[in-house]
């Protein structure tokens, strides 16, 4: 049974890795999926692959660091499918994060995408969800938002921020019908982690299955926090 039949989901950072896996899993569960990412060609290829499997997909190239592009993404999804039921804030940057290295441009890129991009997405999609008294916001954080290493300071700060946004929204949206789930993956085998070879990694599909689990619960169940780590 396709539990998400008739639902529409936007997935950011969907051109590869975790985002592409989430889009595939949500589509398999019956959702219409809207794929967003900066890189147009791989995004279109992912959407075409989903459509070839018999599901419904739309590719909308979007830079999550640009508020107007995020607003256009949500507008286009709503015009195409009528409304947006699920918004997955997955787009992220993991760059040089040590404060002592002084790589300010890397920090700014992470803050723009990992924090401001999340807020832009929520801001664009939330008013219509509140009007309909239903919807689900899924924020992909990281175990780096729970623990800081000597090489992850700024990246961890952005993921701590995602968790804080998620926790605050849980309280702001209590009894509105709009649910919030924060998912913190451990190390996942994606292009973001391809330089790290000395650790056990999760598959992107492991995180995608956690998303589907959260968004297919009964309306009265809100799965607030999921942490997924490799054994």
C-alpha atoms as a PDB file:
ATOM      1  CA  UNK A   1       0.000   0.000   0.000  1.00  0.00           C
ATOM      2  CA  UNK A   2       1.331   3.429  -0.978  1.00  0.00           C
ATOM      3  CA  UNK A   3       0.804   5.437   2.207  1.00  0.00           C
ATOM      4  CA  UNK A   4       1.677   8.798   0.630  1.00  0.00           C
ATOM      5  CA  UNK A   5      -0.544   8.574  -2.441  1.00  0.00           C
ATOM      6  CA  UNK A   6      -1.857  12.041  -3.268  1.00  0.00           C
ATOM      7  CA  UNK A   7       0.739  13.795  -1.100  1.00  0.00           C
ATOM      8  CA  UNK A   8       3.334  16.189  -2.499  1.00  0.00           C
ATOM      9  CA  UNK A   9       6.860  16.434  -1.113  1.00  0.00           C
ATOM     10  CA  UNK A  10       9.654  18.898  -1.837  1.00  0.00           C
ATOM     11  CA  UNK A  11      13.155  17.568  -1.255  1.00  0.00           C
ATOM     12  CA  UNK A  12      16.095  19.971  -1.327  1.00  0.00           C
ATOM     13  CA  UNK A  13      19.615  18.890  -2.203  1.00  0.00           C
ATOM     14  CA  UNK A  14      18.019  16.151  -4.299  1.00  0.00           C
ATOM     15  CA  UNK A  15      20.519  15.890  -7.174  1.00  0.00           C
ATOM     16  CA  UNK A  16      22.551  13.184  -5.406  1.00  0.00           C
ATOM     17  CA  UNK A  17      23.249  11.422  -2.123  1.00  0.00           C
ATOM     18  CA  UNK A  18      20.750  11.567   0.723  1.00  0.00           C
ATOM     19  CA  UNK A  19      18.381  13.940  -1.069  1.00  0.00           C
ATOM     20  CA  UNK A  20      18.119  11.754  -4.171  1.00  0.00           C
ATOM     21  CA  UNK A  21      17.532   8.687  -1.984  1.00  0.00           C
ATOM     22  CA  UNK A  22      14.802  10.487  -0.023  1.00  0.00           C
ATOM     23  CA  UNK A  23      13.090  11.503  -3.261  1.00  0.00           C
ATOM     24  CA  UNK A  24      13.135   7.905  -4.517  1.00  0.00           C
ATOM     25  CA  UNK A  25      11.774   6.499  -1.255  1.00  0.00           C
ATOM     26  CA  UNK A  26       8.990   9.085  -0.985  1.00  0.00           C
ATOM     27  CA  UNK A  27       8.056   8.465  -4.621  1.00  0.00           C
ATOM     28  CA  UNK A  28       7.969   4.712  -3.958  1.00  0.00           C
ATOM     29  CA  UNK A  29       5.565   5.417  -1.086  1.00  0.00           C
ATOM     30  CA  UNK A  30       3.247   7.177  -3.555  1.00  0.00           C
ATOM     31  CA  UNK A  31       4.158  10.848  -3.132  1.00  0.00           C
ATOM     32  CA  UNK A  32       4.505  13.353  -5.951  1.00  0.00           C
ATOM     33  CA  UNK A  33       8.082  14.539  -5.495  1.00  0.00           C
ATOM     34  CA  UNK A  34       9.584  17.913  -6.320  1.00  0.00           C
ATOM     35  CA  UNK A  35      13.370  17.744  -6.529  1.00  0.00           C
ATOM     36  CA  UNK A  36      15.395  20.880  -5.833  1.00  0.00           C
ATOM     37  CA  UNK A  37      19.152  21.505  -6.086  1.00  0.00           C
ATOM     38  CA  UNK A  38      21.564  23.928  -7.732  1.00  0.00           C
ATOM     39  CA  UNK A  39      22.897  21.529 -10.380  1.00  0.00           C
ATOM     40  CA  UNK A  40      20.214  21.295 -13.060  1.00  0.00           C
ATOM     41  CA  UNK A  41      21.430  18.350 -15.148  1.00  0.00           C
ATOM     42  CA  UNK A  42      21.864  15.739 -12.380  1.00  0.00           C
ATOM     43  CA  UNK A  43      18.614  16.989 -10.844  1.00  0.00           C
ATOM     44  CA  UNK A  44      16.733  16.385 -14.089  1.00  0.00           C
ATOM     45  CA  UNK A  45      18.357  12.954 -14.398  1.00  0.00           C
ATOM     46  CA  UNK A  46      17.167  11.994 -10.914  1.00  0.00           C
ATOM     47  CA  UNK A  47      13.632  13.169 -11.726  1.00  0.00           C
ATOM     48  CA  UNK A  48      13.650  11.254 -15.011  1.00  0.00           C
ATOM     49  CA  UNK A  49      14.747   8.096 -13.197  1.00  0.00           C
ATOM     50  CA  UNK A  50      11.843   8.431 -10.763  1.00  0.00           C
ATOM     51  CA  UNK A  51       9.381   9.049 -13.590  1.00  0.00           C
ATOM     52  CA  UNK A  52      10.709   6.006 -15.448  1.00  0.00           C
ATOM     53  CA  UNK A  53       9.760   3.893 -12.430  1.00  0.00           C
ATOM     54  CA  UNK A  54       6.138   5.010 -12.777  1.00  0.00           C
ATOM     55  CA  UNK A  55       6.116   7.759 -10.129  1.00  0.00           C
ATOM     56  CA  UNK A  56       5.506  11.498 -10.450  1.00  0.00           C
ATOM     57  CA  UNK A  57       8.470  13.871 -10.224  1.00  0.00           C
ATOM     58  CA  UNK A  58       9.269  17.482 -11.022  1.00  0.00           C
ATOM     59  CA  UNK A  59      12.776  19.002 -11.112  1.00  0.00           C
ATOM     60  CA  UNK A  60      13.133  22.645 -10.074  1.00  0.00           C
ATOM     61  CA  UNK A  61      16.742  23.939 -10.068  1.00  0.00           C
ATOM     62  CA  UNK A  62      17.079  26.044  -6.919  1.00  0.00           C
ATOM     63  CA  UNK A  63      19.838  27.706  -4.939  1.00  0.00           C
ATOM     64  CA  UNK A  64      18.676  27.388  -1.325  1.00  0.00           C
ATOM     65  CA  UNK A  65      20.887  30.314  -0.322  1.00  0.00           C
ATOM     66  CA  UNK A  66      18.718  32.674  -2.407  1.00  0.00           C
ATOM     67  CA  UNK A  67      15.388  33.457  -0.737  1.00  0.00           C
ATOM     68  CA  UNK A  68      13.616  34.401  -3.957  1.00  0.00           C
ATOM     69  CA  UNK A  69      14.566  31.102  -5.616  1.00  0.00           C
ATOM     70  CA  UNK A  70      13.270  29.153  -2.624  1.00  0.00           C
ATOM     71  CA  UNK A  71       9.996  31.061  -2.732  1.00  0.00           C
ATOM     72  CA  UNK A  72       9.702  30.303  -6.455  1.00  0.00           C
ATOM     73  CA  UNK A  73      10.373  26.604  -5.769  1.00  0.00           C
ATOM     74  CA  UNK A  74       7.443  26.388  -3.352  1.00  0.00           C
ATOM     75  CA  UNK A  75       5.201  28.455  -5.631  1.00  0.00           C
ATOM     76  CA  UNK A  76       5.959  26.237  -8.623  1.00  0.00           C
ATOM     77  CA  UNK A  77       5.340  23.046  -6.616  1.00  0.00           C
ATOM     78  CA  UNK A  78       2.006  24.355  -5.324  1.00  0.00           C
ATOM     79  CA  UNK A  79       0.901  25.503  -8.777  1.00  0.00           C
ATOM     80  CA  UNK A  80       1.831  22.131 -10.288  1.00  0.00           C
ATOM     81  CA  UNK A  81       0.363  19.846  -7.621  1.00  0.00           C
ATOM     82  CA  UNK A  82      -2.116  22.022  -5.733  1.00  0.00           C
ATOM     83  CA  UNK A  83      -0.353  22.063  -2.364  1.00  0.00           C
ATOM     84  CA  UNK A  84       2.771  20.907  -0.550  1.00  0.00           C
ATOM     85  CA  UNK A  85       2.376  18.338   2.243  1.00  0.00           C
ATOM     86  CA  UNK A  86       6.001  17.536   3.086  1.00  0.00           C
ATOM     87  CA  UNK A  87       9.088  19.719   2.940  1.00  0.00           C
ATOM     88  CA  UNK A  88      12.457  18.022   3.440  1.00  0.00           C
ATOM     89  CA  UNK A  89      15.264  20.456   4.248  1.00  0.00           C
ATOM     90  CA  UNK A  90      18.191  18.318   3.122  1.00  0.00           C
ATOM     91  CA  UNK A  91      20.457  20.661   1.147  1.00  0.00           C
ATOM     92  CA  UNK A  92      23.738  21.200   2.946  1.00  0.00           C
ATOM     93  CA  UNK A  93      27.382  22.165   2.656  1.00  0.00           C
ATOM     94  CA  UNK A  94      30.212  20.476   4.584  1.00  0.00           C
ATOM     95  CA  UNK A  95      33.343  22.542   4.001  1.00  0.00           C
ATOM     96  CA  UNK A  96      36.444  23.578   5.941  1.00  0.00           C
ATOM     97  CA  UNK A  97      35.105  24.171   9.438  1.00  0.00           C
ATOM     98  CA  UNK A  98      38.063  24.894  11.713  1.00  0.00           C
ATOM     99  CA  UNK A  99      37.972  28.409  13.108  1.00  0.00           C
ATOM    100  CA  UNK A 100      41.770  28.522  13.278  1.00  0.00           C
ATOM    101  CA  UNK A 101      42.030  28.097   9.504  1.00  0.00           C
ATOM    102  CA  UNK A 102      40.179  31.354   8.963  1.00  0.00           C
ATOM    103  CA  UNK A 103      38.412  30.215   5.784  1.00  0.00           C
ATOM    104  CA  UNK A 104      35.596  32.719   6.100  1.00  0.00           C
ATOM    105  CA  UNK A 105      34.110  32.096   2.649  1.00  0.00           C
ATOM    106  CA  UNK A 106      33.585  28.416   3.500  1.00  0.00           C
ATOM    107  CA  UNK A 107      31.880  29.382   6.761  1.00  0.00           C
ATOM    108  CA  UNK A 108      29.612  31.818   4.944  1.00  0.00           C
ATOM    109  CA  UNK A 109      28.609  29.196   2.366  1.00  0.00           C
ATOM    110  CA  UNK A 110      27.722  26.721   5.123  1.00  0.00           C
ATOM    111  CA  UNK A 111      25.728  29.299   7.071  1.00  0.00           C
ATOM    112  CA  UNK A 112      23.919  30.463   3.921  1.00  0.00           C
ATOM    113  CA  UNK A 113      22.811  26.954   2.917  1.00  0.00           C
ATOM    114  CA  UNK A 114      22.717  24.980   6.172  1.00  0.00           C
ATOM    115  CA  UNK A 115      20.987  27.612   8.289  1.00  0.00           C
ATOM    116  CA  UNK A 116      19.510  30.387   6.171  1.00  0.00           C
ATOM    117  CA  UNK A 117      18.436  27.945   3.448  1.00  0.00           C
ATOM    118  CA  UNK A 118      16.531  25.883   6.023  1.00  0.00           C
ATOM    119  CA  UNK A 119      14.782  28.993   7.299  1.00  0.00           C
ATOM    120  CA  UNK A 120      13.985  30.180   3.776  1.00  0.00           C
ATOM    121  CA  UNK A 121      12.364  26.833   2.991  1.00  0.00           C
ATOM    122  CA  UNK A 122      10.304  26.816   6.181  1.00  0.00           C
ATOM    123  CA  UNK A 123       9.254  30.436   5.659  1.00  0.00           C
ATOM    124  CA  UNK A 124       8.116  29.751   2.091  1.00  0.00           C
ATOM    125  CA  UNK A 125       6.097  26.608   2.783  1.00  0.00           C
ATOM    126  CA  UNK A 126       4.728  27.108   6.300  1.00  0.00           C
ATOM    127  CA  UNK A 127       1.942  29.703   5.776  1.00  0.00           C
ATOM    128  CA  UNK A 128      -0.022  27.406   3.447  1.00  0.00           C
ATOM    129  CA  UNK A 129       0.493  24.463   5.806  1.00  0.00           C
ATOM    130  CA  UNK A 130      -0.889  26.502   8.695  1.00  0.00           C
ATOM    131  CA  UNK A 131      -3.871  27.569   6.603  1.00  0.00           C
ATOM    132  CA  UNK A 132      -4.616  23.909   5.834  1.00  0.00           C
ATOM    133  CA  UNK A 133      -3.792  22.805   9.413  1.00  0.00           C
ATOM    134  CA  UNK A 134      -1.590  20.019   8.094  1.00  0.00           C
ATOM    135  CA  UNK A 135       1.902  19.457   6.776  1.00  0.00           C
ATOM    136  CA  UNK A 136       5.247  18.008   7.764  1.00  0.00           C
ATOM    137  CA  UNK A 137       8.626  19.718   7.962  1.00  0.00           C
ATOM    138  CA  UNK A 138      11.630  17.377   7.976  1.00  0.00           C
ATOM    139  CA  UNK A 139      15.023  18.902   8.751  1.00  0.00           C
ATOM    140  CA  UNK A 140      18.155  16.875   8.044  1.00  0.00           C
ATOM    141  CA  UNK A 141      20.728  17.825  10.671  1.00  0.00           C
ATOM    142  CA  UNK A 142      23.731  15.647  11.605  1.00  0.00           C
ATOM    143  CA  UNK A 143      25.352  13.894  14.546  1.00  0.00           C
ATOM    144  CA  UNK A 144      27.765  16.820  14.217  1.00  0.00           C
ATOM    145  CA  UNK A 145      24.897  18.827  15.693  1.00  0.00           C
ATOM    146  CA  UNK A 146      25.244  16.705  18.835  1.00  0.00           C
ATOM    147  CA  UNK A 147      29.038  16.431  19.055  1.00  0.00           C
ATOM    148  CA  UNK A 148      31.852  18.775  18.001  1.00  0.00           C
ATOM    149  CA  UNK A 149      35.271  17.593  16.847  1.00  0.00           C
ATOM    150  CA  UNK A 150      38.388  19.727  16.389  1.00  0.00           C
ATOM    151  CA  UNK A 151      37.776  19.832  12.638  1.00  0.00           C
ATOM    152  CA  UNK A 152      33.995  20.421  12.652  1.00  0.00           C
ATOM    153  CA  UNK A 153      33.503  23.619  14.656  1.00  0.00           C
ATOM    154  CA  UNK A 154      31.612  25.785  12.168  1.00  0.00           C
ATOM    155  CA  UNK A 155      29.865  22.885  10.413  1.00  0.00           C
ATOM    156  CA  UNK A 156      28.732  21.587  13.805  1.00  0.00           C
ATOM    157  CA  UNK A 157      27.499  25.074  14.678  1.00  0.00           C
ATOM    158  CA  UNK A 158      25.255  25.077  11.610  1.00  0.00           C
ATOM    159  CA  UNK A 159      23.861  21.649  12.454  1.00  0.00           C
ATOM    160  CA  UNK A 160      23.318  22.621  16.099  1.00  0.00           C
ATOM    161  CA  UNK A 161      21.318  25.513  14.617  1.00  0.00           C
ATOM    162  CA  UNK A 162      19.184  23.135  12.536  1.00  0.00           C
ATOM    163  CA  UNK A 163      18.376  21.133  15.668  1.00  0.00           C
ATOM    164  CA  UNK A 164      17.532  24.334  17.559  1.00  0.00           C
ATOM    165  CA  UNK A 165      15.230  25.462  14.745  1.00  0.00           C
ATOM    166  CA  UNK A 166      13.532  22.055  14.771  1.00  0.00           C
ATOM    167  CA  UNK A 167      13.072  22.067  18.547  1.00  0.00           C
ATOM    168  CA  UNK A 168      11.722  25.604  18.553  1.00  0.00           C
ATOM    169  CA  UNK A 169       9.298  24.846  15.740  1.00  0.00           C
ATOM    170  CA  UNK A 170       7.957  21.826  17.616  1.00  0.00           C
ATOM    171  CA  UNK A 171       6.821  24.246  20.315  1.00  0.00           C
ATOM    172  CA  UNK A 172       5.664  27.022  17.987  1.00  0.00           C
ATOM    173  CA  UNK A 173       3.579  24.588  15.938  1.00  0.00           C
ATOM    174  CA  UNK A 174       2.030  22.616  18.799  1.00  0.00           C
ATOM    175  CA  UNK A 175      -1.648  21.837  18.086  1.00  0.00           C
ATOM    176  CA  UNK A 176      -1.546  23.478  14.636  1.00  0.00           C
ATOM    177  CA  UNK A 177      -1.592  20.202  12.704  1.00  0.00           C
ATOM    178  CA  UNK A 178       1.875  20.870  11.261  1.00  0.00           C
ATOM    179  CA  UNK A 179       4.499  18.367  12.395  1.00  0.00           C
ATOM    180  CA  UNK A 180       8.289  18.702  12.655  1.00  0.00           C
ATOM    181  CA  UNK A 181      10.917  15.971  12.498  1.00  0.00           C
ATOM    182  CA  UNK A 182      14.652  16.443  12.959  1.00  0.00           C
ATOM    183  CA  UNK A 183      16.850  13.647  11.583  1.00  0.00           C
ATOM    184  CA  UNK A 184      20.530  13.473  12.533  1.00  0.00           C
ATOM    185  CA  UNK A 185      22.507  11.070  10.335  1.00  0.00           C
ATOM    186  CA  UNK A 186      25.907   9.715  11.219  1.00  0.00           C
ATOM    187  CA  UNK A 187      28.498   9.319   8.478  1.00  0.00           C
ATOM    188  CA  UNK A 188      26.725   8.531   5.191  1.00  0.00           C
ATOM    189  CA  UNK A 189      28.327   7.299   1.982  1.00  0.00           C
ATOM    190  CA  UNK A 190      27.692  10.348  -0.226  1.00  0.00           C
ATOM    191  CA  UNK A 191      29.762  12.799  -2.305  1.00  0.00           C
ATOM    192  CA  UNK A 192      30.048  14.992   0.817  1.00  0.00           C
ATOM    193  CA  UNK A 193      31.978  12.246   2.639  1.00  0.00           C
ATOM    194  CA  UNK A 194      33.962  10.655  -0.180  1.00  0.00           C
ATOM    195  CA  UNK A 195      37.271  11.919   1.219  1.00  0.00           C
ATOM    196  CA  UNK A 196      36.698  10.065   4.507  1.00  0.00           C
ATOM    197  CA  UNK A 197      37.754   6.438   4.149  1.00  0.00           C
ATOM    198  CA  UNK A 198      38.557   5.296   7.689  1.00  0.00           C
ATOM    199  CA  UNK A 199      35.009   5.048   9.100  1.00  0.00           C
ATOM    200  CA  UNK A 200      31.973   2.814   8.695  1.00  0.00           C
ATOM    201  CA  UNK A 201      29.312   4.640   6.682  1.00  0.00           C
ATOM    202  CA  UNK A 202      25.549   4.399   6.341  1.00  0.00           C
ATOM    203  CA  UNK A 203      23.825   4.131   2.962  1.00  0.00           C
ATOM    204  CA  UNK A 204      21.809   7.149   1.823  1.00  0.00           C
ATOM    205  CA  UNK A 205      18.768   4.856   1.713  1.00  0.00           C
ATOM    206  CA  UNK A 206      19.033   4.356   5.484  1.00  0.00           C
ATOM    207  CA  UNK A 207      18.274   8.037   6.010  1.00  0.00           C
ATOM    208  CA  UNK A 208      15.562   8.005   3.349  1.00  0.00           C
ATOM    209  CA  UNK A 209      13.779   5.176   5.159  1.00  0.00           C
ATOM    210  CA  UNK A 210      13.871   7.220   8.384  1.00  0.00           C
ATOM    211  CA  UNK A 211      12.159  10.098   6.555  1.00  0.00           C
ATOM    212  CA  UNK A 212       9.434   7.820   5.206  1.00  0.00           C
ATOM    213  CA  UNK A 213       8.919   6.335   8.669  1.00  0.00           C
ATOM    214  CA  UNK A 214       8.392   9.788  10.187  1.00  0.00           C
ATOM    215  CA  UNK A 215       6.019  11.123   7.541  1.00  0.00           C
ATOM    216  CA  UNK A 216       3.837   8.008   7.349  1.00  0.00           C
ATOM    217  CA  UNK A 217       2.856   7.975  11.020  1.00  0.00           C
ATOM    218  CA  UNK A 218      -0.782   8.639  11.966  1.00  0.00           C
ATOM    219  CA  UNK A 219      -1.790  12.314  12.099  1.00  0.00           C
ATOM    220  CA  UNK A 220      -1.721  12.318  15.902  1.00  0.00           C
ATOM    221  CA  UNK A 221       1.892  11.042  16.029  1.00  0.00           C
ATOM    222  CA  UNK A 222       4.803  13.469  15.708  1.00  0.00           C
ATOM    223  CA  UNK A 223       8.231  11.854  15.498  1.00  0.00           C
ATOM    224  CA  UNK A 224      10.342  14.764  16.713  1.00  0.00           C
ATOM    225  CA  UNK A 225      13.879  13.402  16.678  1.00  0.00           C
ATOM    226  CA  UNK A 226      15.653  10.523  14.936  1.00  0.00           C
ATOM    227  CA  UNK A 227      19.376   9.813  15.157  1.00  0.00           C
ATOM    228  CA  UNK A 228      20.771   7.244  12.707  1.00  0.00           C
ATOM    229  CA  UNK A 229      24.324   6.000  13.237  1.00  0.00           C
ATOM    230  CA  UNK A 230      26.386   3.202  11.671  1.00  0.00           C
ATOM    231  CA  UNK A 231      27.128   0.257  13.970  1.00  0.00           C
END
